[in-house]
Amino acid sequence: VRGRFSISRDNAKNTVYLQMNSLEH
């Protein structure tokens, strides 16, 4: 997934995200 996915977090919102681009089967 390297280069396609991106993980981030917002500690103020107690939330972690996973942005997934160029998704494959």
PDBML (XML) file of the C-alpha atoms, coordinates in Angstrom:
<?xml version="1.0" encoding="UTF-8" ?>
<PDBx:datablock datablockName="MODEL"
   xmlns:PDBx="http://pdbml.pdb.org/schema/pdbx-v50.xsd"
   xmlns:xsi="http://www.w3.org/2001/XMLSchema-instance"
   xsi:schemaLocation="http://pdbml.pdb.org/schema/pdbx-v50.xsd pdbx-v50.xsd">
   <PDBx:atom_siteCategory>
      <PDBx:atom_site id="1">
         <PDBx:B_iso_or_equiv>0.00</PDBx:B_iso_or_equiv>
         <PDBx:Cartn_x>0.000</PDBx:Cartn_x>
         <PDBx:Cartn_y>0.000</PDBx:Cartn_y>
         <PDBx:Cartn_z>0.000</PDBx:Cartn_z>
         <PDBx:auth_asym_id>A</PDBx:auth_asym_id>
         <PDBx:auth_atom_id>CA</PDBx:auth_atom_id>
         <PDBx:auth_comp_id>VAL</PDBx:auth_comp_id>
         <PDBx:auth_seq_id>1</PDBx:auth_seq_id>
         <PDBx:group_PDB>ATOM</PDBx:group_PDB>
         <PDBx:label_alt_id xsi:nil="true" />
         <PDBx:label_asym_id>A</PDBx:label_asym_id>
         <PDBx:label_atom_id>CA</PDBx:label_atom_id>
         <PDBx:label_comp_id>VAL</PDBx:label_comp_id>
         <PDBx:label_entity_id>1</PDBx:label_entity_id>
         <PDBx:label_seq_id>1</PDBx:label_seq_id>
         <PDBx:occupancy>1.00</PDBx:occupancy>
         <PDBx:pdbx_PDB_model_num>1</PDBx:pdbx_PDB_model_num>
         <PDBx:type_symbol>C</PDBx:type_symbol>
      </PDBx:atom_site>
      <PDBx:atom_site id="2">
         <PDBx:B_iso_or_equiv>0.00</PDBx:B_iso_or_equiv>
         <PDBx:Cartn_x>2.992</PDBx:Cartn_x>
         <PDBx:Cartn_y>2.312</PDBx:Cartn_y>
         <PDBx:Cartn_z>0.237</PDBx:Cartn_z>
         <PDBx:auth_asym_id>A</PDBx:auth_asym_id>
         <PDBx:auth_atom_id>CA</PDBx:auth_atom_id>
         <PDBx:auth_comp_id>ARG</PDBx:auth_comp_id>
         <PDBx:auth_seq_id>2</PDBx:auth_seq_id>
         <PDBx:group_PDB>ATOM</PDBx:group_PDB>
         <PDBx:label_alt_id xsi:nil="true" />
         <PDBx:label_asym_id>A</PDBx:label_asym_id>
         <PDBx:label_atom_id>CA</PDBx:label_atom_id>
         <PDBx:label_comp_id>ARG</PDBx:label_comp_id>
         <PDBx:label_entity_id>1</PDBx:label_entity_id>
         <PDBx:label_seq_id>2</PDBx:label_seq_id>
         <PDBx:occupancy>1.00</PDBx:occupancy>
         <PDBx:pdbx_PDB_model_num>1</PDBx:pdbx_PDB_model_num>
         <PDBx:type_symbol>C</PDBx:type_symbol>
      </PDBx:atom_site>
      <PDBx:atom_site id="3">
         <PDBx:B_iso_or_equiv>0.00</PDBx:B_iso_or_equiv>
         <PDBx:Cartn_x>2.518</PDBx:Cartn_x>
         <PDBx:Cartn_y>5.299</PDBx:Cartn_y>
         <PDBx:Cartn_z>-2.022</PDBx:Cartn_z>
         <PDBx:auth_asym_id>A</PDBx:auth_asym_id>
         <PDBx:auth_atom_id>CA</PDBx:auth_atom_id>
         <PDBx:auth_comp_id>GLY</PDBx:auth_comp_id>
         <PDBx:auth_seq_id>3</PDBx:auth_seq_id>
         <PDBx:group_PDB>ATOM</PDBx:group_PDB>
         <PDBx:label_alt_id xsi:nil="true" />
         <PDBx:label_asym_id>A</PDBx:label_asym_id>
         <PDBx:label_atom_id>CA</PDBx:label_atom_id>
         <PDBx:label_comp_id>GLY</PDBx:label_comp_id>
         <PDBx:label_entity_id>1</PDBx:label_entity_id>
         <PDBx:label_seq_id>3</PDBx:label_seq_id>
         <PDBx:occupancy>1.00</PDBx:occupancy>
         <PDBx:pdbx_PDB_model_num>1</PDBx:pdbx_PDB_model_num>
         <PDBx:type_symbol>C</PDBx:type_symbol>
      </PDBx:atom_site>
      <PDBx:atom_site id="4">
         <PDBx:B_iso_or_equiv>0.00</PDBx:B_iso_or_equiv>
         <PDBx:Cartn_x>-1.225</PDBx:Cartn_x>
         <PDBx:Cartn_y>4.748</PDBx:Cartn_y>
         <PDBx:Cartn_z>-2.280</PDBx:Cartn_z>
         <PDBx:auth_asym_id>A</PDBx:auth_asym_id>
         <PDBx:auth_atom_id>CA</PDBx:auth_atom_id>
         <PDBx:auth_comp_id>ARG</PDBx:auth_comp_id>
         <PDBx:auth_seq_id>4</PDBx:auth_seq_id>
         <PDBx:group_PDB>ATOM</PDBx:group_PDB>
         <PDBx:label_alt_id xsi:nil="true" />
         <PDBx:label_asym_id>A</PDBx:label_asym_id>
         <PDBx:label_atom_id>CA</PDBx:label_atom_id>
         <PDBx:label_comp_id>ARG</PDBx:label_comp_id>
         <PDBx:label_entity_id>1</PDBx:label_entity_id>
         <PDBx:label_seq_id>4</PDBx:label_seq_id>
         <PDBx:occupancy>1.00</PDBx:occupancy>
         <PDBx:pdbx_PDB_model_num>1</PDBx:pdbx_PDB_model_num>
         <PDBx:type_symbol>C</PDBx:type_symbol>
      </PDBx:atom_site>
      <PDBx:atom_site id="5">
         <PDBx:B_iso_or_equiv>0.00</PDBx:B_iso_or_equiv>
         <PDBx:Cartn_x>-2.404</PDBx:Cartn_x>
         <PDBx:Cartn_y>4.855</PDBx:Cartn_y>
         <PDBx:Cartn_z>1.324</PDBx:Cartn_z>
         <PDBx:auth_asym_id>A</PDBx:auth_asym_id>
         <PDBx:auth_atom_id>CA</PDBx:auth_atom_id>
         <PDBx:auth_comp_id>PHE</PDBx:auth_comp_id>
         <PDBx:auth_seq_id>5</PDBx:auth_seq_id>
         <PDBx:group_PDB>ATOM</PDBx:group_PDB>
         <PDBx:label_alt_id xsi:nil="true" />
         <PDBx:label_asym_id>A</PDBx:label_asym_id>
         <PDBx:label_atom_id>CA</PDBx:label_atom_id>
         <PDBx:label_comp_id>PHE</PDBx:label_comp_id>
         <PDBx:label_entity_id>1</PDBx:label_entity_id>
         <PDBx:label_seq_id>5</PDBx:label_seq_id>
         <PDBx:occupancy>1.00</PDBx:occupancy>
         <PDBx:pdbx_PDB_model_num>1</PDBx:pdbx_PDB_model_num>
         <PDBx:type_symbol>C</PDBx:type_symbol>
      </PDBx:atom_site>
      <PDBx:atom_site id="6">
         <PDBx:B_iso_or_equiv>0.00</PDBx:B_iso_or_equiv>
         <PDBx:Cartn_x>-1.744</PDBx:Cartn_x>
         <PDBx:Cartn_y>7.527</PDBx:Cartn_y>
         <PDBx:Cartn_z>3.909</PDBx:Cartn_z>
         <PDBx:auth_asym_id>A</PDBx:auth_asym_id>
         <PDBx:auth_atom_id>CA</PDBx:auth_atom_id>
         <PDBx:auth_comp_id>SER</PDBx:auth_comp_id>
         <PDBx:auth_seq_id>6</PDBx:auth_seq_id>
         <PDBx:group_PDB>ATOM</PDBx:group_PDB>
         <PDBx:label_alt_id xsi:nil="true" />
         <PDBx:label_asym_id>A</PDBx:label_asym_id>
         <PDBx:label_atom_id>CA</PDBx:label_atom_id>
         <PDBx:label_comp_id>SER</PDBx:label_comp_id>
         <PDBx:label_entity_id>1</PDBx:label_entity_id>
         <PDBx:label_seq_id>6</PDBx:label_seq_id>
         <PDBx:occupancy>1.00</PDBx:occupancy>
         <PDBx:pdbx_PDB_model_num>1</PDBx:pdbx_PDB_model_num>
         <PDBx:type_symbol>C</PDBx:type_symbol>
      </PDBx:atom_site>
      <PDBx:atom_site id="7">
         <PDBx:B_iso_or_equiv>0.00</PDBx:B_iso_or_equiv>
         <PDBx:Cartn_x>-2.325</PDBx:Cartn_x>
         <PDBx:Cartn_y>7.294</PDBx:Cartn_y>
         <PDBx:Cartn_z>7.645</PDBx:Cartn_z>
         <PDBx:auth_asym_id>A</PDBx:auth_asym_id>
         <PDBx:auth_atom_id>CA</PDBx:auth_atom_id>
         <PDBx:auth_comp_id>ILE</PDBx:auth_comp_id>
         <PDBx:auth_seq_id>7</PDBx:auth_seq_id>
         <PDBx:group_PDB>ATOM</PDBx:group_PDB>
         <PDBx:label_alt_id xsi:nil="true" />
         <PDBx:label_asym_id>A</PDBx:label_asym_id>
         <PDBx:label_atom_id>CA</PDBx:label_atom_id>
         <PDBx:label_comp_id>ILE</PDBx:label_comp_id>
         <PDBx:label_entity_id>1</PDBx:label_entity_id>
         <PDBx:label_seq_id>7</PDBx:label_seq_id>
         <PDBx:occupancy>1.00</PDBx:occupancy>
         <PDBx:pdbx_PDB_model_num>1</PDBx:pdbx_PDB_model_num>
         <PDBx:type_symbol>C</PDBx:type_symbol>
      </PDBx:atom_site>
      <PDBx:atom_site id="8">
         <PDBx:B_iso_or_equiv>0.00</PDBx:B_iso_or_equiv>
         <PDBx:Cartn_x>-2.839</PDBx:Cartn_x>
         <PDBx:Cartn_y>10.372</PDBx:Cartn_y>
         <PDBx:Cartn_z>9.787</PDBx:Cartn_z>
         <PDBx:auth_asym_id>A</PDBx:auth_asym_id>
         <PDBx:auth_atom_id>CA</PDBx:auth_atom_id>
         <PDBx:auth_comp_id>SER</PDBx:auth_comp_id>
         <PDBx:auth_seq_id>8</PDBx:auth_seq_id>
         <PDBx:group_PDB>ATOM</PDBx:group_PDB>
         <PDBx:label_alt_id xsi:nil="true" />
         <PDBx:label_asym_id>A</PDBx:label_asym_id>
         <PDBx:label_atom_id>CA</PDBx:label_atom_id>
         <PDBx:label_comp_id>SER</PDBx:label_comp_id>
         <PDBx:label_entity_id>1</PDBx:label_entity_id>
         <PDBx:label_seq_id>8</PDBx:label_seq_id>
         <PDBx:occupancy>1.00</PDBx:occupancy>
         <PDBx:pdbx_PDB_model_num>1</PDBx:pdbx_PDB_model_num>
         <PDBx:type_symbol>C</PDBx:type_symbol>
      </PDBx:atom_site>
      <PDBx:atom_site id="9">
         <PDBx:B_iso_or_equiv>0.00</PDBx:B_iso_or_equiv>
         <PDBx:Cartn_x>-4.242</PDBx:Cartn_x>
         <PDBx:Cartn_y>11.287</PDBx:Cartn_y>
         <PDBx:Cartn_z>13.164</PDBx:Cartn_z>
         <PDBx:auth_asym_id>A</PDBx:auth_asym_id>
         <PDBx:auth_atom_id>CA</PDBx:auth_atom_id>
         <PDBx:auth_comp_id>ARG</PDBx:auth_comp_id>
         <PDBx:auth_seq_id>9</PDBx:auth_seq_id>
         <PDBx:group_PDB>ATOM</PDBx:group_PDB>
         <PDBx:label_alt_id xsi:nil="true" />
         <PDBx:label_asym_id>A</PDBx:label_asym_id>
         <PDBx:label_atom_id>CA</PDBx:label_atom_id>
         <PDBx:label_comp_id>ARG</PDBx:label_comp_id>
         <PDBx:label_entity_id>1</PDBx:label_entity_id>
         <PDBx:label_seq_id>9</PDBx:label_seq_id>
         <PDBx:occupancy>1.00</PDBx:occupancy>
         <PDBx:pdbx_PDB_model_num>1</PDBx:pdbx_PDB_model_num>
         <PDBx:type_symbol>C</PDBx:type_symbol>
      </PDBx:atom_site>
      <PDBx:atom_site id="10">
         <PDBx:B_iso_or_equiv>0.00</PDBx:B_iso_or_equiv>
         <PDBx:Cartn_x>-5.918</PDBx:Cartn_x>
         <PDBx:Cartn_y>14.178</PDBx:Cartn_y>
         <PDBx:Cartn_z>14.888</PDBx:Cartn_z>
         <PDBx:auth_asym_id>A</PDBx:auth_asym_id>
         <PDBx:auth_atom_id>CA</PDBx:auth_atom_id>
         <PDBx:auth_comp_id>ASP</PDBx:auth_comp_id>
         <PDBx:auth_seq_id>10</PDBx:auth_seq_id>
         <PDBx:group_PDB>ATOM</PDBx:group_PDB>
         <PDBx:label_alt_id xsi:nil="true" />
         <PDBx:label_asym_id>A</PDBx:label_asym_id>
         <PDBx:label_atom_id>CA</PDBx:label_atom_id>
         <PDBx:label_comp_id>ASP</PDBx:label_comp_id>
         <PDBx:label_entity_id>1</PDBx:label_entity_id>
         <PDBx:label_seq_id>10</PDBx:label_seq_id>
         <PDBx:occupancy>1.00</PDBx:occupancy>
         <PDBx:pdbx_PDB_model_num>1</PDBx:pdbx_PDB_model_num>
         <PDBx:type_symbol>C</PDBx:type_symbol>
      </PDBx:atom_site>
      <PDBx:atom_site id="11">
         <PDBx:B_iso_or_equiv>0.00</PDBx:B_iso_or_equiv>
         <PDBx:Cartn_x>-5.325</PDBx:Cartn_x>
         <PDBx:Cartn_y>13.801</PDBx:Cartn_y>
         <PDBx:Cartn_z>18.590</PDBx:Cartn_z>
         <PDBx:auth_asym_id>A</PDBx:auth_asym_id>
         <PDBx:auth_atom_id>CA</PDBx:auth_atom_id>
         <PDBx:auth_comp_id>ASN</PDBx:auth_comp_id>
         <PDBx:auth_seq_id>11</PDBx:auth_seq_id>
         <PDBx:group_PDB>ATOM</PDBx:group_PDB>
         <PDBx:label_alt_id xsi:nil="true" />
         <PDBx:label_asym_id>A</PDBx:label_asym_id>
         <PDBx:label_atom_id>CA</PDBx:label_atom_id>
         <PDBx:label_comp_id>ASN</PDBx:label_comp_id>
         <PDBx:label_entity_id>1</PDBx:label_entity_id>
         <PDBx:label_seq_id>11</PDBx:label_seq_id>
         <PDBx:occupancy>1.00</PDBx:occupancy>
         <PDBx:pdbx_PDB_model_num>1</PDBx:pdbx_PDB_model_num>
         <PDBx:type_symbol>C</PDBx:type_symbol>
      </PDBx:atom_site>
      <PDBx:atom_site id="12">
         <PDBx:B_iso_or_equiv>0.00</PDBx:B_iso_or_equiv>
         <PDBx:Cartn_x>-7.611</PDBx:Cartn_x>
         <PDBx:Cartn_y>16.724</PDBx:Cartn_y>
         <PDBx:Cartn_z>19.385</PDBx:Cartn_z>
         <PDBx:auth_asym_id>A</PDBx:auth_asym_id>
         <PDBx:auth_atom_id>CA</PDBx:auth_atom_id>
         <PDBx:auth_comp_id>ALA</PDBx:auth_comp_id>
         <PDBx:auth_seq_id>12</PDBx:auth_seq_id>
         <PDBx:group_PDB>ATOM</PDBx:group_PDB>
         <PDBx:label_alt_id xsi:nil="true" />
         <PDBx:label_asym_id>A</PDBx:label_asym_id>
         <PDBx:label_atom_id>CA</PDBx:label_atom_id>
         <PDBx:label_comp_id>ALA</PDBx:label_comp_id>
         <PDBx:label_entity_id>1</PDBx:label_entity_id>
         <PDBx:label_seq_id>12</PDBx:label_seq_id>
         <PDBx:occupancy>1.00</PDBx:occupancy>
         <PDBx:pdbx_PDB_model_num>1</PDBx:pdbx_PDB_model_num>
         <PDBx:type_symbol>C</PDBx:type_symbol>
      </PDBx:atom_site>
      <PDBx:atom_site id="13">
         <PDBx:B_iso_or_equiv>0.00</PDBx:B_iso_or_equiv>
         <PDBx:Cartn_x>-10.456</PDBx:Cartn_x>
         <PDBx:Cartn_y>14.760</PDBx:Cartn_y>
         <PDBx:Cartn_z>17.799</PDBx:Cartn_z>
         <PDBx:auth_asym_id>A</PDBx:auth_asym_id>
         <PDBx:auth_atom_id>CA</PDBx:auth_atom_id>
         <PDBx:auth_comp_id>LYS</PDBx:auth_comp_id>
         <PDBx:auth_seq_id>13</PDBx:auth_seq_id>
         <PDBx:group_PDB>ATOM</PDBx:group_PDB>
         <PDBx:label_alt_id xsi:nil="true" />
         <PDBx:label_asym_id>A</PDBx:label_asym_id>
         <PDBx:label_atom_id>CA</PDBx:label_atom_id>
         <PDBx:label_comp_id>LYS</PDBx:label_comp_id>
         <PDBx:label_entity_id>1</PDBx:label_entity_id>
         <PDBx:label_seq_id>13</PDBx:label_seq_id>
         <PDBx:occupancy>1.00</PDBx:occupancy>
         <PDBx:pdbx_PDB_model_num>1</PDBx:pdbx_PDB_model_num>
         <PDBx:type_symbol>C</PDBx:type_symbol>
      </PDBx:atom_site>
      <PDBx:atom_site id="14">
         <PDBx:B_iso_or_equiv>0.00</PDBx:B_iso_or_equiv>
         <PDBx:Cartn_x>-9.295</PDBx:Cartn_x>
         <PDBx:Cartn_y>11.353</PDBx:Cartn_y>
         <PDBx:Cartn_z>19.055</PDBx:Cartn_z>
         <PDBx:auth_asym_id>A</PDBx:auth_asym_id>
         <PDBx:auth_atom_id>CA</PDBx:auth_atom_id>
         <PDBx:auth_comp_id>ASN</PDBx:auth_comp_id>
         <PDBx:auth_seq_id>14</PDBx:auth_seq_id>
         <PDBx:group_PDB>ATOM</PDBx:group_PDB>
         <PDBx:label_alt_id xsi:nil="true" />
         <PDBx:label_asym_id>A</PDBx:label_asym_id>
         <PDBx:label_atom_id>CA</PDBx:label_atom_id>
         <PDBx:label_comp_id>ASN</PDBx:label_comp_id>
         <PDBx:label_entity_id>1</PDBx:label_entity_id>
         <PDBx:label_seq_id>14</PDBx:label_seq_id>
         <PDBx:occupancy>1.00</PDBx:occupancy>
         <PDBx:pdbx_PDB_model_num>1</PDBx:pdbx_PDB_model_num>
         <PDBx:type_symbol>C</PDBx:type_symbol>
      </PDBx:atom_site>
      <PDBx:atom_site id="15">
         <PDBx:B_iso_or_equiv>0.00</PDBx:B_iso_or_equiv>
         <PDBx:Cartn_x>-9.413</PDBx:Cartn_x>
         <PDBx:Cartn_y>10.114</PDBx:Cartn_y>
         <PDBx:Cartn_z>15.487</PDBx:Cartn_z>
         <PDBx:auth_asym_id>A</PDBx:auth_asym_id>
         <PDBx:auth_atom_id>CA</PDBx:auth_atom_id>
         <PDBx:auth_comp_id>THR</PDBx:auth_comp_id>
         <PDBx:auth_seq_id>15</PDBx:auth_seq_id>
         <PDBx:group_PDB>ATOM</PDBx:group_PDB>
         <PDBx:label_alt_id xsi:nil="true" />
         <PDBx:label_asym_id>A</PDBx:label_asym_id>
         <PDBx:label_atom_id>CA</PDBx:label_atom_id>
         <PDBx:label_comp_id>THR</PDBx:label_comp_id>
         <PDBx:label_entity_id>1</PDBx:label_entity_id>
         <PDBx:label_seq_id>15</PDBx:label_seq_id>
         <PDBx:occupancy>1.00</PDBx:occupancy>
         <PDBx:pdbx_PDB_model_num>1</PDBx:pdbx_PDB_model_num>
         <PDBx:type_symbol>C</PDBx:type_symbol>
      </PDBx:atom_site>
      <PDBx:atom_site id="16">
         <PDBx:B_iso_or_equiv>0.00</PDBx:B_iso_or_equiv>
         <PDBx:Cartn_x>-7.088</PDBx:Cartn_x>
         <PDBx:Cartn_y>8.281</PDBx:Cartn_y>
         <PDBx:Cartn_z>13.132</PDBx:Cartn_z>
         <PDBx:auth_asym_id>A</PDBx:auth_asym_id>
         <PDBx:auth_atom_id>CA</PDBx:auth_atom_id>
         <PDBx:auth_comp_id>VAL</PDBx:auth_comp_id>
         <PDBx:auth_seq_id>16</PDBx:auth_seq_id>
         <PDBx:group_PDB>ATOM</PDBx:group_PDB>
         <PDBx:label_alt_id xsi:nil="true" />
         <PDBx:label_asym_id>A</PDBx:label_asym_id>
         <PDBx:label_atom_id>CA</PDBx:label_atom_id>
         <PDBx:label_comp_id>VAL</PDBx:label_comp_id>
         <PDBx:label_entity_id>1</PDBx:label_entity_id>
         <PDBx:label_seq_id>16</PDBx:label_seq_id>
         <PDBx:occupancy>1.00</PDBx:occupancy>
         <PDBx:pdbx_PDB_model_num>1</PDBx:pdbx_PDB_model_num>
         <PDBx:type_symbol>C</PDBx:type_symbol>
      </PDBx:atom_site>
      <PDBx:atom_site id="17">
         <PDBx:B_iso_or_equiv>0.00</PDBx:B_iso_or_equiv>
         <PDBx:Cartn_x>-7.597</PDBx:Cartn_x>
         <PDBx:Cartn_y>8.215</PDBx:Cartn_y>
         <PDBx:Cartn_z>9.373</PDBx:Cartn_z>
         <PDBx:auth_asym_id>A</PDBx:auth_asym_id>
         <PDBx:auth_atom_id>CA</PDBx:auth_atom_id>
         <PDBx:auth_comp_id>TYR</PDBx:auth_comp_id>
         <PDBx:auth_seq_id>17</PDBx:auth_seq_id>
         <PDBx:group_PDB>ATOM</PDBx:group_PDB>
         <PDBx:label_alt_id xsi:nil="true" />
         <PDBx:label_asym_id>A</PDBx:label_asym_id>
         <PDBx:label_atom_id>CA</PDBx:label_atom_id>
         <PDBx:label_comp_id>TYR</PDBx:label_comp_id>
         <PDBx:label_entity_id>1</PDBx:label_entity_id>
         <PDBx:label_seq_id>17</PDBx:label_seq_id>
         <PDBx:occupancy>1.00</PDBx:occupancy>
         <PDBx:pdbx_PDB_model_num>1</PDBx:pdbx_PDB_model_num>
         <PDBx:type_symbol>C</PDBx:type_symbol>
      </PDBx:atom_site>
      <PDBx:atom_site id="18">
         <PDBx:B_iso_or_equiv>0.00</PDBx:B_iso_or_equiv>
         <PDBx:Cartn_x>-6.596</PDBx:Cartn_x>
         <PDBx:Cartn_y>6.039</PDBx:Cartn_y>
         <PDBx:Cartn_z>6.475</PDBx:Cartn_z>
         <PDBx:auth_asym_id>A</PDBx:auth_asym_id>
         <PDBx:auth_atom_id>CA</PDBx:auth_atom_id>
         <PDBx:auth_comp_id>LEU</PDBx:auth_comp_id>
         <PDBx:auth_seq_id>18</PDBx:auth_seq_id>
         <PDBx:group_PDB>ATOM</PDBx:group_PDB>
         <PDBx:label_alt_id xsi:nil="true" />
         <PDBx:label_asym_id>A</PDBx:label_asym_id>
         <PDBx:label_atom_id>CA</PDBx:label_atom_id>
         <PDBx:label_comp_id>LEU</PDBx:label_comp_id>
         <PDBx:label_entity_id>1</PDBx:label_entity_id>
         <PDBx:label_seq_id>18</PDBx:label_seq_id>
         <PDBx:occupancy>1.00</PDBx:occupancy>
         <PDBx:pdbx_PDB_model_num>1</PDBx:pdbx_PDB_model_num>
         <PDBx:type_symbol>C</PDBx:type_symbol>
      </PDBx:atom_site>
      <PDBx:atom_site id="19">
         <PDBx:B_iso_or_equiv>0.00</PDBx:B_iso_or_equiv>
         <PDBx:Cartn_x>-6.734</PDBx:Cartn_x>
         <PDBx:Cartn_y>7.754</PDBx:Cartn_y>
         <PDBx:Cartn_z>3.115</PDBx:Cartn_z>
         <PDBx:auth_asym_id>A</PDBx:auth_asym_id>
         <PDBx:auth_atom_id>CA</PDBx:auth_atom_id>
         <PDBx:auth_comp_id>GLN</PDBx:auth_comp_id>
         <PDBx:auth_seq_id>19</PDBx:auth_seq_id>
         <PDBx:group_PDB>ATOM</PDBx:group_PDB>
         <PDBx:label_alt_id xsi:nil="true" />
         <PDBx:label_asym_id>A</PDBx:label_asym_id>
         <PDBx:label_atom_id>CA</PDBx:label_atom_id>
         <PDBx:label_comp_id>GLN</PDBx:label_comp_id>
         <PDBx:label_entity_id>1</PDBx:label_entity_id>
         <PDBx:label_seq_id>19</PDBx:label_seq_id>
         <PDBx:occupancy>1.00</PDBx:occupancy>
         <PDBx:pdbx_PDB_model_num>1</PDBx:pdbx_PDB_model_num>
         <PDBx:type_symbol>C</PDBx:type_symbol>
      </PDBx:atom_site>
      <PDBx:atom_site id="20">
         <PDBx:B_iso_or_equiv>0.00</PDBx:B_iso_or_equiv>
         <PDBx:Cartn_x>-6.800</PDBx:Cartn_x>
         <PDBx:Cartn_y>5.112</PDBx:Cartn_y>
         <PDBx:Cartn_z>0.398</PDBx:Cartn_z>
         <PDBx:auth_asym_id>A</PDBx:auth_asym_id>
         <PDBx:auth_atom_id>CA</PDBx:auth_atom_id>
         <PDBx:auth_comp_id>MET</PDBx:auth_comp_id>
         <PDBx:auth_seq_id>20</PDBx:auth_seq_id>
         <PDBx:group_PDB>ATOM</PDBx:group_PDB>
         <PDBx:label_alt_id xsi:nil="true" />
         <PDBx:label_asym_id>A</PDBx:label_asym_id>
         <PDBx:label_atom_id>CA</PDBx:label_atom_id>
         <PDBx:label_comp_id>MET</PDBx:label_comp_id>
         <PDBx:label_entity_id>1</PDBx:label_entity_id>
         <PDBx:label_seq_id>20</PDBx:label_seq_id>
         <PDBx:occupancy>1.00</PDBx:occupancy>
         <PDBx:pdbx_PDB_model_num>1</PDBx:pdbx_PDB_model_num>
         <PDBx:type_symbol>C</PDBx:type_symbol>
      </PDBx:atom_site>
      <PDBx:atom_site id="21">
         <PDBx:B_iso_or_equiv>0.00</PDBx:B_iso_or_equiv>
         <PDBx:Cartn_x>-6.086</PDBx:Cartn_x>
         <PDBx:Cartn_y>6.140</PDBx:Cartn_y>
         <PDBx:Cartn_z>-3.170</PDBx:Cartn_z>
         <PDBx:auth_asym_id>A</PDBx:auth_asym_id>
         <PDBx:auth_atom_id>CA</PDBx:auth_atom_id>
         <PDBx:auth_comp_id>ASN</PDBx:auth_comp_id>
         <PDBx:auth_seq_id>21</PDBx:auth_seq_id>
         <PDBx:group_PDB>ATOM</PDBx:group_PDB>
         <PDBx:label_alt_id xsi:nil="true" />
         <PDBx:label_asym_id>A</PDBx:label_asym_id>
         <PDBx:label_atom_id>CA</PDBx:label_atom_id>
         <PDBx:label_comp_id>ASN</PDBx:label_comp_id>
         <PDBx:label_entity_id>1</PDBx:label_entity_id>
         <PDBx:label_seq_id>21</PDBx:label_seq_id>
         <PDBx:occupancy>1.00</PDBx:occupancy>
         <PDBx:pdbx_PDB_model_num>1</PDBx:pdbx_PDB_model_num>
         <PDBx:type_symbol>C</PDBx:type_symbol>
      </PDBx:atom_site>
      <PDBx:atom_site id="22">
         <PDBx:B_iso_or_equiv>0.00</PDBx:B_iso_or_equiv>
         <PDBx:Cartn_x>-5.693</PDBx:Cartn_x>
         <PDBx:Cartn_y>4.176</PDBx:Cartn_y>
         <PDBx:Cartn_z>-6.391</PDBx:Cartn_z>
         <PDBx:auth_asym_id>A</PDBx:auth_asym_id>
         <PDBx:auth_atom_id>CA</PDBx:auth_atom_id>
         <PDBx:auth_comp_id>SER</PDBx:auth_comp_id>
         <PDBx:auth_seq_id>22</PDBx:auth_seq_id>
         <PDBx:group_PDB>ATOM</PDBx:group_PDB>
         <PDBx:label_alt_id xsi:nil="true" />
         <PDBx:label_asym_id>A</PDBx:label_asym_id>
         <PDBx:label_atom_id>CA</PDBx:label_atom_id>
         <PDBx:label_comp_id>SER</PDBx:label_comp_id>
         <PDBx:label_entity_id>1</PDBx:label_entity_id>
         <PDBx:label_seq_id>22</PDBx:label_seq_id>
         <PDBx:occupancy>1.00</PDBx:occupancy>
         <PDBx:pdbx_PDB_model_num>1</PDBx:pdbx_PDB_model_num>
         <PDBx:type_symbol>C</PDBx:type_symbol>
      </PDBx:atom_site>
      <PDBx:atom_site id="23">
         <PDBx:B_iso_or_equiv>0.00</PDBx:B_iso_or_equiv>
         <PDBx:Cartn_x>-7.623</PDBx:Cartn_x>
         <PDBx:Cartn_y>1.312</PDBx:Cartn_y>
         <PDBx:Cartn_z>-4.877</PDBx:Cartn_z>
         <PDBx:auth_asym_id>A</PDBx:auth_asym_id>
         <PDBx:auth_atom_id>CA</PDBx:auth_atom_id>
         <PDBx:auth_comp_id>LEU</PDBx:auth_comp_id>
         <PDBx:auth_seq_id>23</PDBx:auth_seq_id>
         <PDBx:group_PDB>ATOM</PDBx:group_PDB>
         <PDBx:label_alt_id xsi:nil="true" />
         <PDBx:label_asym_id>A</PDBx:label_asym_id>
         <PDBx:label_atom_id>CA</PDBx:label_atom_id>
         <PDBx:label_comp_id>LEU</PDBx:label_comp_id>
         <PDBx:label_entity_id>1</PDBx:label_entity_id>
         <PDBx:label_seq_id>23</PDBx:label_seq_id>
         <PDBx:occupancy>1.00</PDBx:occupancy>
         <PDBx:pdbx_PDB_model_num>1</PDBx:pdbx_PDB_model_num>
         <PDBx:type_symbol>C</PDBx:type_symbol>
      </PDBx:atom_site>
      <PDBx:atom_site id="24">
         <PDBx:B_iso_or_equiv>0.00</PDBx:B_iso_or_equiv>
         <PDBx:Cartn_x>-7.174</PDBx:Cartn_x>
         <PDBx:Cartn_y>-2.137</PDBx:Cartn_y>
         <PDBx:Cartn_z>-6.362</PDBx:Cartn_z>
         <PDBx:auth_asym_id>A</PDBx:auth_asym_id>
         <PDBx:auth_atom_id>CA</PDBx:auth_atom_id>
         <PDBx:auth_comp_id>GLU</PDBx:auth_comp_id>
         <PDBx:auth_seq_id>24</PDBx:auth_seq_id>
         <PDBx:group_PDB>ATOM</PDBx:group_PDB>
         <PDBx:label_alt_id xsi:nil="true" />
         <PDBx:label_asym_id>A</PDBx:label_asym_id>
         <PDBx:label_atom_id>CA</PDBx:label_atom_id>
         <PDBx:label_comp_id>GLU</PDBx:label_comp_id>
         <PDBx:label_entity_id>1</PDBx:label_entity_id>
         <PDBx:label_seq_id>24</PDBx:label_seq_id>
         <PDBx:occupancy>1.00</PDBx:occupancy>
         <PDBx:pdbx_PDB_model_num>1</PDBx:pdbx_PDB_model_num>
         <PDBx:type_symbol>C</PDBx:type_symbol>
      </PDBx:atom_site>
      <PDBx:atom_site id="25">
         <PDBx:B_iso_or_equiv>0.00</PDBx:B_iso_or_equiv>
         <PDBx:Cartn_x>-9.183</PDBx:Cartn_x>
         <PDBx:Cartn_y>-5.341</PDBx:Cartn_y>
         <PDBx:Cartn_z>-6.241</PDBx:Cartn_z>
         <PDBx:auth_asym_id>A</PDBx:auth_asym_id>
         <PDBx:auth_atom_id>CA</PDBx:auth_atom_id>
         <PDBx:auth_comp_id>HIS</PDBx:auth_comp_id>
         <PDBx:auth_seq_id>25</PDBx:auth_seq_id>
         <PDBx:group_PDB>ATOM</PDBx:group_PDB>
         <PDBx:label_alt_id xsi:nil="true" />
         <PDBx:label_asym_id>A</PDBx:label_asym_id>
         <PDBx:label_atom_id>CA</PDBx:label_atom_id>
         <PDBx:label_comp_id>HIS</PDBx:label_comp_id>
         <PDBx:label_entity_id>1</PDBx:label_entity_id>
         <PDBx:label_seq_id>25</PDBx:label_seq_id>
         <PDBx:occupancy>1.00</PDBx:occupancy>
         <PDBx:pdbx_PDB_model_num>1</PDBx:pdbx_PDB_model_num>
         <PDBx:type_symbol>C</PDBx:type_symbol>
      </PDBx:atom_site>
   </PDBx:atom_siteCategory>
</PDBx:datablock>
